[in-house]
């Protein structure tokens, strides 16, 4: 069973932009690998190993984003403001009278603690 991800339209656009940037960067990383490979012995070539690690990280992130986008549902703004649910905007008032506003989003978009 595939996991369903919930994204706002903004979150979906940000992930798509990141994916596009990573795909565009593929050729640069491939060039870095080719340049490092041309320097000779690969067993002790730190530049080559760093470029291969970067390529691996990049490809894993591309795969992760593609998986999220393929298995995502768009969070729509709730119709009523009587209960908190995905897509709701919540305003909290602190003891000193300061108000903070939060939007309830899925795990992919949530800020880490």
C-alpha atoms as a PDB file:
ATOM      1  CA  UNK A   1       0.000   0.000   0.000  1.00  0.00           C
ATOM      2  CA  UNK A   2       1.413   3.363  -1.023  1.00  0.00           C
ATOM      3  CA  UNK A   3       1.528   6.215   1.424  1.00  0.00           C
ATOM      4  CA  UNK A   4      -0.578   9.249   0.536  1.00  0.00           C
ATOM      5  CA  UNK A   5       1.082  12.654   1.018  1.00  0.00           C
ATOM      6  CA  UNK A   6      -0.945  15.815   1.557  1.00  0.00           C
ATOM      7  CA  UNK A   7       0.383  19.060   0.077  1.00  0.00           C
ATOM      8  CA  UNK A   8      -0.832  22.601  -0.254  1.00  0.00           C
ATOM      9  CA  UNK A   9      -0.617  24.133  -3.724  1.00  0.00           C
ATOM     10  CA  UNK A  10       2.339  26.215  -2.484  1.00  0.00           C
ATOM     11  CA  UNK A  11       4.111  23.144  -1.116  1.00  0.00           C
ATOM     12  CA  UNK A  12       3.542  21.245  -4.353  1.00  0.00           C
ATOM     13  CA  UNK A  13       4.955  24.149  -6.376  1.00  0.00           C
ATOM     14  CA  UNK A  14       8.026  24.345  -4.107  1.00  0.00           C
ATOM     15  CA  UNK A  15       8.706  20.622  -4.490  1.00  0.00           C
ATOM     16  CA  UNK A  16       8.304  20.854  -8.259  1.00  0.00           C
ATOM     17  CA  UNK A  17      10.736  23.802  -8.364  1.00  0.00           C
ATOM     18  CA  UNK A  18      13.271  21.844  -6.290  1.00  0.00           C
ATOM     19  CA  UNK A  19      12.867  18.842  -8.591  1.00  0.00           C
ATOM     20  CA  UNK A  20      13.378  20.987 -11.696  1.00  0.00           C
ATOM     21  CA  UNK A  21      16.519  22.544 -10.174  1.00  0.00           C
ATOM     22  CA  UNK A  22      17.968  19.143  -9.247  1.00  0.00           C
ATOM     23  CA  UNK A  23      17.287  17.739 -12.709  1.00  0.00           C
ATOM     24  CA  UNK A  24      18.930  20.787 -14.289  1.00  0.00           C
ATOM     25  CA  UNK A  25      21.962  20.283 -12.025  1.00  0.00           C
ATOM     26  CA  UNK A  26      22.491  16.685 -13.187  1.00  0.00           C
ATOM     27  CA  UNK A  27      24.707  17.730 -16.098  1.00  0.00           C
ATOM     28  CA  UNK A  28      26.927  19.833 -13.831  1.00  0.00           C
ATOM     29  CA  UNK A  29      27.502  16.900 -11.479  1.00  0.00           C
ATOM     30  CA  UNK A  30      28.196  14.612 -14.444  1.00  0.00           C
ATOM     31  CA  UNK A  31      30.798  17.112 -15.698  1.00  0.00           C
ATOM     32  CA  UNK A  32      32.411  17.206 -12.240  1.00  0.00           C
ATOM     33  CA  UNK A  33      32.663  13.408 -12.280  1.00  0.00           C
ATOM     34  CA  UNK A  34      34.159  13.416 -15.785  1.00  0.00           C
ATOM     35  CA  UNK A  35      36.753  16.041 -14.841  1.00  0.00           C
ATOM     36  CA  UNK A  36      37.712  14.169 -11.674  1.00  0.00           C
ATOM     37  CA  UNK A  37      37.871  10.867 -13.567  1.00  0.00           C
ATOM     38  CA  UNK A  38      40.252  12.392 -16.118  1.00  0.00           C
ATOM     39  CA  UNK A  39      42.748  13.161 -13.350  1.00  0.00           C
ATOM     40  CA  UNK A  40      43.876   9.563 -13.192  1.00  0.00           C
ATOM     41  CA  UNK A  41      43.804   6.983 -10.393  1.00  0.00           C
ATOM     42  CA  UNK A  42      40.291   6.859  -8.920  1.00  0.00           C
ATOM     43  CA  UNK A  43      41.193   4.945  -5.754  1.00  0.00           C
ATOM     44  CA  UNK A  44      42.685   8.008  -4.054  1.00  0.00           C
ATOM     45  CA  UNK A  45      40.852  10.720  -5.973  1.00  0.00           C
ATOM     46  CA  UNK A  46      38.907  12.699  -3.340  1.00  0.00           C
ATOM     47  CA  UNK A  47      37.276  14.957  -5.943  1.00  0.00           C
ATOM     48  CA  UNK A  48      35.898  11.940  -7.793  1.00  0.00           C
ATOM     49  CA  UNK A  49      34.492  10.346  -4.638  1.00  0.00           C
ATOM     50  CA  UNK A  50      32.951  13.670  -3.515  1.00  0.00           C
ATOM     51  CA  UNK A  51      31.318  14.140  -6.924  1.00  0.00           C
ATOM     52  CA  UNK A  52      29.946  10.570  -6.875  1.00  0.00           C
ATOM     53  CA  UNK A  53      28.534  11.112  -3.368  1.00  0.00           C
ATOM     54  CA  UNK A  54      26.907  14.358  -4.505  1.00  0.00           C
ATOM     55  CA  UNK A  55      25.412  12.547  -7.488  1.00  0.00           C
ATOM     56  CA  UNK A  56      24.063   9.821  -5.203  1.00  0.00           C
ATOM     57  CA  UNK A  57      22.491  12.346  -2.776  1.00  0.00           C
ATOM     58  CA  UNK A  58      20.994  14.262  -5.684  1.00  0.00           C
ATOM     59  CA  UNK A  59      19.498  11.172  -7.344  1.00  0.00           C
ATOM     60  CA  UNK A  60      18.009   9.984  -4.050  1.00  0.00           C
ATOM     61  CA  UNK A  61      16.363  13.373  -3.503  1.00  0.00           C
ATOM     62  CA  UNK A  62      15.014  13.396  -7.076  1.00  0.00           C
ATOM     63  CA  UNK A  63      13.555   9.933  -6.525  1.00  0.00           C
ATOM     64  CA  UNK A  64      12.042  11.007  -3.193  1.00  0.00           C
ATOM     65  CA  UNK A  65      10.413  14.141  -4.639  1.00  0.00           C
ATOM     66  CA  UNK A  66       9.039  12.252  -7.642  1.00  0.00           C
ATOM     67  CA  UNK A  67       7.536   9.654  -5.283  1.00  0.00           C
ATOM     68  CA  UNK A  68       5.931  12.364  -3.138  1.00  0.00           C
ATOM     69  CA  UNK A  69       4.492  14.199  -6.145  1.00  0.00           C
ATOM     70  CA  UNK A  70       3.115  10.989  -7.674  1.00  0.00           C
ATOM     71  CA  UNK A  71       1.429  10.002  -4.411  1.00  0.00           C
ATOM     72  CA  UNK A  72       0.133  13.349  -3.240  1.00  0.00           C
ATOM     73  CA  UNK A  73      -3.266  14.869  -2.776  1.00  0.00           C
ATOM     74  CA  UNK A  74      -3.910  18.586  -2.762  1.00  0.00           C
ATOM     75  CA  UNK A  75      -5.041  20.070   0.540  1.00  0.00           C
ATOM     76  CA  UNK A  76      -8.061  22.276  -0.048  1.00  0.00           C
ATOM     77  CA  UNK A  77      -9.062  25.059   2.294  1.00  0.00           C
ATOM     78  CA  UNK A  78     -11.766  23.860   4.638  1.00  0.00           C
ATOM     79  CA  UNK A  79     -15.267  25.214   4.074  1.00  0.00           C
ATOM     80  CA  UNK A  80     -16.094  25.853   7.700  1.00  0.00           C
ATOM     81  CA  UNK A  81     -13.960  27.441  10.347  1.00  0.00           C
ATOM     82  CA  UNK A  82     -15.524  25.501  13.213  1.00  0.00           C
ATOM     83  CA  UNK A  83     -12.925  22.715  13.373  1.00  0.00           C
ATOM     84  CA  UNK A  84      -9.213  22.403  12.723  1.00  0.00           C
ATOM     85  CA  UNK A  85      -8.183  20.107   9.882  1.00  0.00           C
ATOM     86  CA  UNK A  86      -5.608  19.946   7.091  1.00  0.00           C
ATOM     87  CA  UNK A  87      -5.562  23.289   5.327  1.00  0.00           C
ATOM     88  CA  UNK A  88      -6.954  25.221   8.292  1.00  0.00           C
ATOM     89  CA  UNK A  89      -5.316  28.447   9.360  1.00  0.00           C
ATOM     90  CA  UNK A  90      -5.154  28.805  13.125  1.00  0.00           C
ATOM     91  CA  UNK A  91      -4.438  31.968  15.096  1.00  0.00           C
ATOM     92  CA  UNK A  92      -3.032  31.589  18.587  1.00  0.00           C
ATOM     93  CA  UNK A  93      -2.821  34.393  21.086  1.00  0.00           C
ATOM     94  CA  UNK A  94      -0.042  34.244  23.659  1.00  0.00           C
ATOM     95  CA  UNK A  95      -0.038  35.458  27.249  1.00  0.00           C
ATOM     96  CA  UNK A  96       1.526  38.785  26.242  1.00  0.00           C
ATOM     97  CA  UNK A  97      -1.131  39.424  23.618  1.00  0.00           C
ATOM     98  CA  UNK A  98       1.008  38.482  20.611  1.00  0.00           C
ATOM     99  CA  UNK A  99      -0.856  36.596  17.930  1.00  0.00           C
ATOM    100  CA  UNK A 100       0.780  33.923  15.768  1.00  0.00           C
ATOM    101  CA  UNK A 101      -0.798  32.380  12.713  1.00  0.00           C
ATOM    102  CA  UNK A 102      -0.214  28.783  11.605  1.00  0.00           C
ATOM    103  CA  UNK A 103      -1.462  26.682   8.724  1.00  0.00           C
ATOM    104  CA  UNK A 104      -2.096  22.993   9.317  1.00  0.00           C
ATOM    105  CA  UNK A 105      -0.201  21.076   6.598  1.00  0.00           C
ATOM    106  CA  UNK A 106       0.898  17.525   5.868  1.00  0.00           C
ATOM    107  CA  UNK A 107       4.125  15.959   7.110  1.00  0.00           C
ATOM    108  CA  UNK A 108       6.102  16.812   3.966  1.00  0.00           C
ATOM    109  CA  UNK A 109       5.572  20.557   4.438  1.00  0.00           C
ATOM    110  CA  UNK A 110       5.689  20.696   8.229  1.00  0.00           C
ATOM    111  CA  UNK A 111       8.570  22.630   9.767  1.00  0.00           C
ATOM    112  CA  UNK A 112      10.950  20.419  11.738  1.00  0.00           C
ATOM    113  CA  UNK A 113      11.077  21.054  15.454  1.00  0.00           C
END
